Protein backbone atom coordinates (compact mmCIF):
# COMPACT_ATOMS: atom_id res chain seq x y z
CA MET A 1 2.70 26.88 -1.73
CA PHE A 2 1.67 27.04 2.22
CA SER A 3 -1.70 28.27 0.65
CA PHE A 4 -2.03 25.07 -1.70
CA ILE A 5 -1.04 22.99 1.12
CA VAL A 6 -4.38 24.16 3.11
CA ARG A 7 -6.54 23.75 0.07
CA ARG A 8 -5.51 20.36 -0.24
CA LEU A 9 -6.03 19.25 3.37
CA GLY A 10 -9.52 20.94 2.89
CA GLN A 11 -10.04 18.95 -0.06
CA LEU A 12 -8.93 15.94 2.11
CA ILE A 13 -11.69 16.73 4.86
CA LEU A 14 -13.99 16.47 2.01
CA VAL A 15 -12.68 12.94 0.19
CA LEU A 16 -12.79 11.41 3.54
CA PHE A 17 -16.28 12.33 4.66
CA GLY A 18 -17.91 11.37 1.45
CA MET A 19 -15.67 8.11 1.59
CA LEU A 20 -16.71 7.30 5.07
CA VAL A 21 -20.67 8.12 3.84
CA LEU A 22 -20.18 5.72 0.96
CA THR A 23 -18.39 3.03 3.03
CA PHE A 24 -20.63 3.20 5.91
CA TYR A 25 -24.37 2.77 3.93
CA VAL A 26 -22.58 0.34 1.88
CA SER A 27 -21.09 -1.61 4.51
CA HIS A 28 -24.93 -2.16 6.26
CA MET A 29 -26.06 -3.19 3.22
CA VAL A 30 -24.27 -6.64 3.42
CA PRO A 31 -27.03 -9.50 4.87
CA GLY A 32 -25.95 -10.41 7.80
CA ASP A 33 -25.97 -9.87 11.81
CA PRO A 34 -22.91 -8.91 13.13
CA ALA A 35 -24.38 -8.73 16.70
CA ARG A 36 -25.31 -12.97 16.04
CA LEU A 37 -21.40 -13.10 14.69
CA ALA A 38 -20.03 -11.37 17.48
CA ALA A 39 -22.08 -13.12 20.67
CA GLY A 40 -21.42 -16.64 18.79
CA LEU A 41 -23.27 -19.76 17.27
CA HIS A 42 -24.63 -20.89 20.64
CA ALA A 43 -25.72 -17.43 22.37
CA THR A 44 -29.24 -16.84 23.14
CA GLN A 45 -30.99 -14.20 22.08
CA SER A 46 -30.91 -12.15 25.25
CA GLN A 47 -26.99 -11.87 24.50
CA VAL A 48 -27.64 -11.11 20.84
CA ASN A 49 -29.92 -8.07 21.71
CA GLN A 50 -27.17 -7.16 24.76
CA VAL A 51 -24.53 -7.16 22.25
CA ARG A 52 -26.85 -4.94 19.88
CA ARG A 53 -27.39 -2.38 22.16
CA GLN A 54 -23.68 -2.41 23.57
CA PHE A 55 -22.87 -1.23 19.76
CA GLY A 56 -25.42 0.71 18.82
CA LEU A 57 -26.66 -1.74 16.15
CA ASN A 58 -30.39 -1.36 17.45
CA LEU A 59 -30.60 2.20 15.99
CA PRO A 60 -31.94 3.13 13.04
CA LEU A 61 -28.85 3.57 10.25
CA THR A 62 -28.85 7.26 10.01
CA ALA A 63 -28.49 7.58 13.66
CA GLN A 64 -25.97 5.04 13.83
CA PHE A 65 -24.05 7.32 11.50
CA VAL A 66 -24.29 10.80 13.21
CA ARG A 67 -23.00 8.52 16.53
CA TYR A 68 -20.17 7.35 14.66
CA ALA A 69 -19.25 10.94 13.20
CA ALA A 70 -19.82 12.75 16.33
CA ASN A 71 -17.20 10.07 17.82
CA LEU A 72 -15.11 10.46 15.30
CA LEU A 73 -14.47 13.97 15.61
CA HIS A 74 -13.11 13.28 18.98
CA GLY A 75 -11.01 11.01 17.19
CA ASN A 76 -12.69 7.86 18.17
CA LEU A 77 -13.32 4.86 15.74
CA GLY A 78 -15.05 3.28 18.02
CA LEU A 79 -14.83 -0.52 19.15
CA SER A 80 -14.39 -3.55 17.14
CA ILE A 81 -17.11 -5.61 16.97
CA LEU A 82 -15.10 -8.62 16.86
CA THR A 83 -11.66 -8.18 19.60
CA ARG A 84 -13.59 -5.74 21.45
CA ASN A 85 -10.47 -3.44 20.86
CA PRO A 86 -10.47 0.62 19.78
CA VAL A 87 -10.56 0.18 16.20
CA SER A 88 -7.36 3.17 16.65
CA ALA A 89 -5.58 0.39 18.93
CA ASP A 90 -5.95 -2.79 16.34
CA LEU A 91 -5.09 -0.60 13.19
CA GLY A 92 -1.76 0.43 15.46
CA ALA A 93 -0.91 -2.94 16.11
CA TYR A 94 -1.55 -4.23 12.67
CA PHE A 95 -0.28 -1.14 10.25
CA PRO A 96 3.56 -1.51 11.13
CA ALA A 97 3.34 -5.31 9.11
CA THR A 98 1.97 -3.63 6.04
CA LEU A 99 3.85 -0.55 6.19
CA GLU A 100 6.65 -3.29 6.10
CA ILE A 101 5.88 -4.67 2.75
CA THR A 102 4.23 -2.04 1.11
CA LEU A 103 7.58 0.30 1.93
CA THR A 104 9.42 -2.38 0.81
CA ALA A 105 7.29 -3.22 -2.63
CA LEU A 106 7.67 0.21 -3.25
CA LEU A 107 11.44 0.94 -2.92
CA ILE A 108 11.65 -2.66 -5.21
CA VAL A 109 9.41 -0.77 -7.81
CA LEU A 110 12.27 2.46 -7.57
CA VAL A 111 15.40 0.36 -7.47
CA VAL A 112 14.34 -1.85 -10.36
CA GLY A 113 11.66 -0.17 -12.41
CA ILE A 114 13.48 3.37 -13.09
CA PRO A 115 16.84 1.62 -14.12
CA LEU A 116 15.15 -1.05 -16.14
CA GLY A 117 13.23 1.73 -17.97
CA VAL A 118 16.35 3.42 -18.60
CA VAL A 119 18.04 0.72 -20.52
CA SER A 120 14.81 -0.45 -22.10
CA ALA A 121 14.93 3.33 -23.56
CA VAL A 122 18.61 3.78 -24.01
CA ARG A 123 18.89 0.30 -25.99
CA ARG A 124 15.40 0.62 -27.67
CA ASP A 125 14.55 -2.34 -30.14
CA GLY A 126 17.25 -4.37 -28.19
CA MET A 127 17.61 -7.43 -26.45
CA PRO A 128 16.30 -5.51 -22.67
CA ASP A 129 13.71 -3.46 -24.70
CA HIS A 130 12.06 -6.97 -25.29
CA PHE A 131 12.41 -8.22 -22.11
CA SER A 132 11.02 -5.12 -20.50
CA ARG A 133 7.90 -5.73 -23.06
CA VAL A 134 7.57 -9.05 -21.61
CA PHE A 135 8.15 -8.56 -18.07
CA ALA A 136 5.17 -5.68 -18.41
CA LEU A 137 2.87 -7.53 -20.28
CA LEU A 138 3.52 -10.31 -17.31
CA GLY A 139 2.81 -7.66 -14.63
CA VAL A 140 -0.62 -5.82 -15.90
CA SER A 141 -1.89 -9.46 -16.98
CA MET A 142 -1.02 -11.84 -14.19
CA PRO A 143 -3.09 -11.92 -11.09
CA PRO A 144 -1.52 -11.18 -8.08
CA PHE A 145 -2.40 -14.45 -6.62
CA TRP A 146 -1.70 -16.49 -8.90
CA LEU A 147 1.70 -15.19 -8.88
CA ALA A 148 1.65 -15.24 -4.99
CA VAL A 149 1.01 -19.14 -4.89
CA LEU A 150 3.75 -19.77 -7.71
CA LEU A 151 6.20 -18.17 -6.01
CA GLN A 152 5.51 -20.06 -2.62
CA GLU A 153 5.56 -23.24 -5.04
CA VAL A 154 8.70 -22.47 -6.36
CA PHE A 155 11.05 -20.53 -3.91
CA ALA A 156 9.36 -22.11 -0.63
CA GLN A 157 7.94 -25.72 -1.86
CA LYS A 158 10.42 -27.00 -3.99
CA LEU A 159 13.39 -24.81 -3.56
CA GLY A 160 13.08 -24.18 -0.22
CA TRP A 161 14.99 -21.25 0.03
CA LEU A 162 12.11 -19.14 1.71
CA PRO A 163 9.56 -19.48 4.02
CA VAL A 164 5.88 -20.14 2.53
CA GLY A 165 3.98 -17.30 5.26
CA GLY A 166 4.51 -15.65 8.39
CA MET A 167 6.63 -12.57 9.58
CA LEU A 168 9.00 -14.78 11.72
CA SER A 169 10.40 -18.12 12.28
CA SER A 170 7.62 -20.15 15.03
CA TYR A 171 11.08 -20.99 17.30
CA LEU A 172 12.09 -17.02 17.36
CA THR A 173 10.34 -14.27 19.31
CA PRO A 174 9.79 -10.86 18.15
CA PRO A 175 11.92 -8.06 18.48
CA GLY A 176 11.89 -5.45 21.06
CA HIS A 177 9.58 -2.85 19.57
CA ILE A 178 11.06 0.18 18.20
CA THR A 179 9.39 1.13 15.07
CA GLY A 180 7.17 -1.79 14.84
CA LEU A 181 8.84 -3.23 11.50
CA TYR A 182 10.81 -6.72 11.97
CA VAL A 183 13.63 -5.99 10.11
CA LEU A 184 14.79 -2.72 11.32
CA ASP A 185 13.88 -3.60 14.84
CA SER A 186 16.33 -6.72 14.81
CA LEU A 187 18.77 -4.74 12.74
CA PHE A 188 18.76 -1.54 15.48
CA THR A 189 18.82 -4.19 18.38
CA GLY A 190 21.52 -6.20 16.98
CA ASN A 191 19.35 -9.54 16.51
CA TRP A 192 20.50 -11.33 13.62
CA PRO A 193 18.54 -14.43 13.80
CA ASP A 194 15.11 -12.29 13.93
CA PHE A 195 16.48 -10.02 11.22
CA THR A 196 17.65 -13.17 8.91
CA SER A 197 14.31 -14.81 9.52
CA ALA A 198 12.24 -11.64 9.32
CA PHE A 199 14.07 -10.51 6.24
CA ALA A 200 13.67 -13.69 4.45
CA SER A 201 10.08 -13.68 4.73
CA LEU A 202 9.37 -10.23 4.09
CA ILE A 203 10.95 -11.11 0.21
CA LEU A 204 7.89 -13.48 -0.97
CA PRO A 205 4.95 -10.94 -0.45
CA SER A 206 6.88 -7.73 -1.48
CA VAL A 207 7.74 -8.88 -4.72
CA THR A 208 4.15 -10.25 -5.28
CA LEU A 209 2.99 -6.95 -4.04
CA ALA A 210 5.64 -5.45 -6.28
CA PHE A 211 4.91 -6.99 -9.41
CA GLY A 212 2.12 -5.14 -10.98
CA SER A 213 3.54 -1.39 -10.04
CA LEU A 214 6.76 -2.30 -11.11
CA ALA A 215 5.86 -3.04 -14.73
CA ILE A 216 3.75 -0.52 -14.79
CA MET A 217 6.72 2.23 -13.90
CA THR A 218 9.22 0.61 -16.17
CA ARG A 219 7.04 1.23 -19.27
CA MET A 220 6.08 4.77 -17.97
CA VAL A 221 9.76 5.90 -17.24
CA ARG A 222 10.82 4.21 -20.99
CA ALA A 223 8.13 6.30 -22.50
CA LYS A 224 8.60 9.43 -21.49
CA LEU A 225 12.25 9.50 -21.46
CA LEU A 226 11.89 8.07 -25.43
CA ASP A 227 10.16 11.36 -25.82
CA VAL A 228 12.92 13.38 -23.96
CA LEU A 229 15.99 12.13 -25.66
CA HIS A 230 14.59 13.87 -28.77
CA GLN A 231 14.59 17.18 -27.14
CA ASP A 232 16.64 20.22 -28.49
CA PHE A 233 18.39 20.52 -24.86
CA ILE A 234 19.63 16.79 -25.37
CA ARG A 235 20.88 17.36 -28.62
CA THR A 236 22.97 20.31 -27.43
CA ALA A 237 24.00 18.48 -24.25
CA ARG A 238 25.65 15.97 -26.59
CA ALA A 239 27.04 18.60 -28.99
CA LYS A 240 28.89 20.32 -25.88
CA GLY A 241 30.63 16.95 -25.40
CA LEU A 242 29.09 15.74 -22.34
CA PRO A 243 29.42 12.38 -21.35
CA GLU A 244 26.45 10.12 -22.82
CA ARG A 245 25.88 8.37 -19.09
CA ARG A 246 25.66 12.29 -17.50
CA VAL A 247 23.36 12.90 -20.49
CA ILE A 248 21.19 10.21 -19.76
CA TYR A 249 20.94 10.10 -15.86
CA ILE A 250 21.79 14.29 -15.24
CA HIS A 251 19.32 15.54 -18.36
CA ALA A 252 17.19 13.16 -19.66
CA LEU A 253 16.10 11.43 -16.69
CA LYS A 254 15.55 14.12 -14.21
CA ASN A 255 12.92 15.39 -16.66
CA ALA A 256 11.40 12.28 -17.50
CA LEU A 257 10.69 11.96 -13.81
CA PRO A 258 7.41 13.71 -13.07
CA PRO A 259 4.99 11.22 -14.89
CA ALA A 260 6.84 8.75 -12.89
CA VAL A 261 6.34 10.56 -9.64
CA THR A 262 2.45 10.82 -10.50
CA VAL A 263 2.45 6.73 -10.84
CA ILE A 264 4.04 6.61 -7.67
CA GLY A 265 1.53 8.45 -6.18
CA LEU A 266 -1.41 6.28 -7.59
CA GLN A 267 0.49 3.06 -7.38
CA VAL A 268 0.83 3.65 -3.47
CA GLY A 269 -3.04 2.96 -3.06
CA SER A 270 -2.76 -0.06 -5.19
CA LEU A 271 -0.29 -1.40 -2.92
CA LEU A 272 -2.45 -0.77 0.11
CA GLN A 273 -5.29 -1.88 -1.62
CA GLY A 274 -3.55 -5.23 -2.98
CA ALA A 275 -1.96 -5.90 0.40
CA VAL A 276 -5.62 -7.20 1.64
CA LEU A 277 -5.27 -10.26 -0.79
CA VAL A 278 -1.14 -10.94 -0.48
CA GLU A 279 -1.78 -10.58 3.56
CA ALA A 280 -4.32 -13.30 3.49
CA ILE A 281 -1.94 -15.89 1.00
CA PHE A 282 1.38 -15.24 2.86
CA ALA A 283 -0.32 -15.09 6.79
CA TRP A 284 1.10 -11.41 6.89
CA PRO A 285 -0.66 -10.50 10.39
CA GLY A 286 -1.28 -6.34 8.63
CA VAL A 287 -4.45 -4.14 8.37
CA GLY A 288 -5.60 -5.80 5.12
CA THR A 289 -5.60 -9.18 7.30
CA TYR A 290 -7.64 -6.91 9.93
CA ALA A 291 -9.80 -5.69 7.59
CA LEU A 292 -10.03 -9.33 5.97
CA GLN A 293 -11.20 -10.62 9.40
CA ALA A 294 -13.36 -7.40 9.86
CA SER A 295 -15.25 -8.15 6.29
CA GLU A 296 -16.42 -11.92 7.32
CA GLY A 297 -17.41 -11.01 10.63
CA LEU A 298 -19.24 -7.59 9.48
CA ASP A 299 -17.11 -5.49 12.04
CA PHE A 300 -18.58 -2.16 10.91
CA PRO A 301 -16.17 -0.10 13.00
CA ALA A 302 -12.90 -1.91 11.76
CA ILE A 303 -14.10 -1.94 8.38
CA LEU A 304 -14.25 2.16 8.48
CA GLY A 305 -11.46 2.20 10.17
CA PHE A 306 -9.34 0.52 7.91
CA THR A 307 -11.09 3.08 5.07
CA LEU A 308 -9.93 5.93 6.36
CA LEU A 309 -6.60 5.01 7.08
CA VAL A 310 -6.46 4.00 3.47
CA SER A 311 -7.91 7.36 2.54
CA VAL A 312 -5.66 9.21 4.75
CA VAL A 313 -2.66 7.61 3.29
CA TYR A 314 -3.68 7.95 -0.49
CA VAL A 315 -4.49 11.51 -0.17
CA LEU A 316 -1.50 12.61 1.86
CA ILE A 317 0.57 10.36 -0.56
CA ASN A 318 -0.65 12.45 -3.60
CA THR A 319 -0.31 15.63 -1.64
CA ILE A 320 3.55 15.06 -1.19
CA VAL A 321 3.44 13.71 -5.17
CA ASP A 322 1.88 17.64 -5.90
CA ILE A 323 4.26 19.16 -3.74
CA LEU A 324 7.84 17.03 -5.53
CA TYR A 325 6.79 18.42 -8.97
CA ALA A 326 7.74 21.58 -7.83
CA PHE A 327 11.15 20.71 -6.89
CA LEU A 328 11.75 18.34 -10.21
CA ASP A 329 10.07 20.81 -12.78
CA PRO A 330 10.85 24.82 -12.11
CA ARG A 331 7.98 25.80 -14.46
CA ILE A 332 5.65 24.70 -11.88
CA SER A 333 4.50 27.06 -8.95
CA TYR A 334 2.08 26.59 -6.17
CA SER A 335 2.42 30.43 -5.24
């Protein structure tokens, strides 16, 4: 197991390097002058040149990359052209908000998707199964931005049950910083007005982010569980007189989970990517909003920092998924 983890970490370095090279050169191919955008519309040419020299934008592209890679080896992600803050500090400030909606969306996928897939498989061709098919079709075909606007229109504008956007009501102050996650921090500090507001604000963006992955998870669990339920060991368990609930949830579901775990690892990357659009629609101050602003302002260090962060999280999650295989399926060994 240890050698497997070491190999995966080595692969992580190669993946990150390849991604870094690709992102660096592609982002610099976008037409525009980031120095002009950072200096402002009314800046003189000398001021623009000063900004260009400050961020090394006057150097050849290859020299810029070598300079960035050398700083990266020392843990320096560079300075943001727009905010003039270290990119690592900006990401540290914005990432908890993205982590909050991503974890909530993942929790929705697990808590709703797995039981719905089980019910759909057990009651094959029944009403729950037909419902899950329609639900899966909507989940994979409905654009997230359209779903977000629809939820805002119904639950925020028409019914007034939930806020249309933001992390907290404007008349409230953020809770004390413990984890950076407003729901948890307000819960830990006993700040119930903040908790109620933060929890309500979290619902619509999390549901929007989870909807597509939830449909995929439901169909994956259903398909694999239907296959497992026809295996010999399931017939043996039933012949021994075990309760049907135990047969389904202990024997069958455990053997149906490895493919679902794979889907979870893949969907984490999709959730992080989808957060860019969802955060923009719901005015959620996460790294997705930060990346969007960086893209509009050609803030190359911020764009690269965001890409590195998402890539590291994605590869690490998939490494954890591979390790979980050994616990879910004893036939798998990484020794």
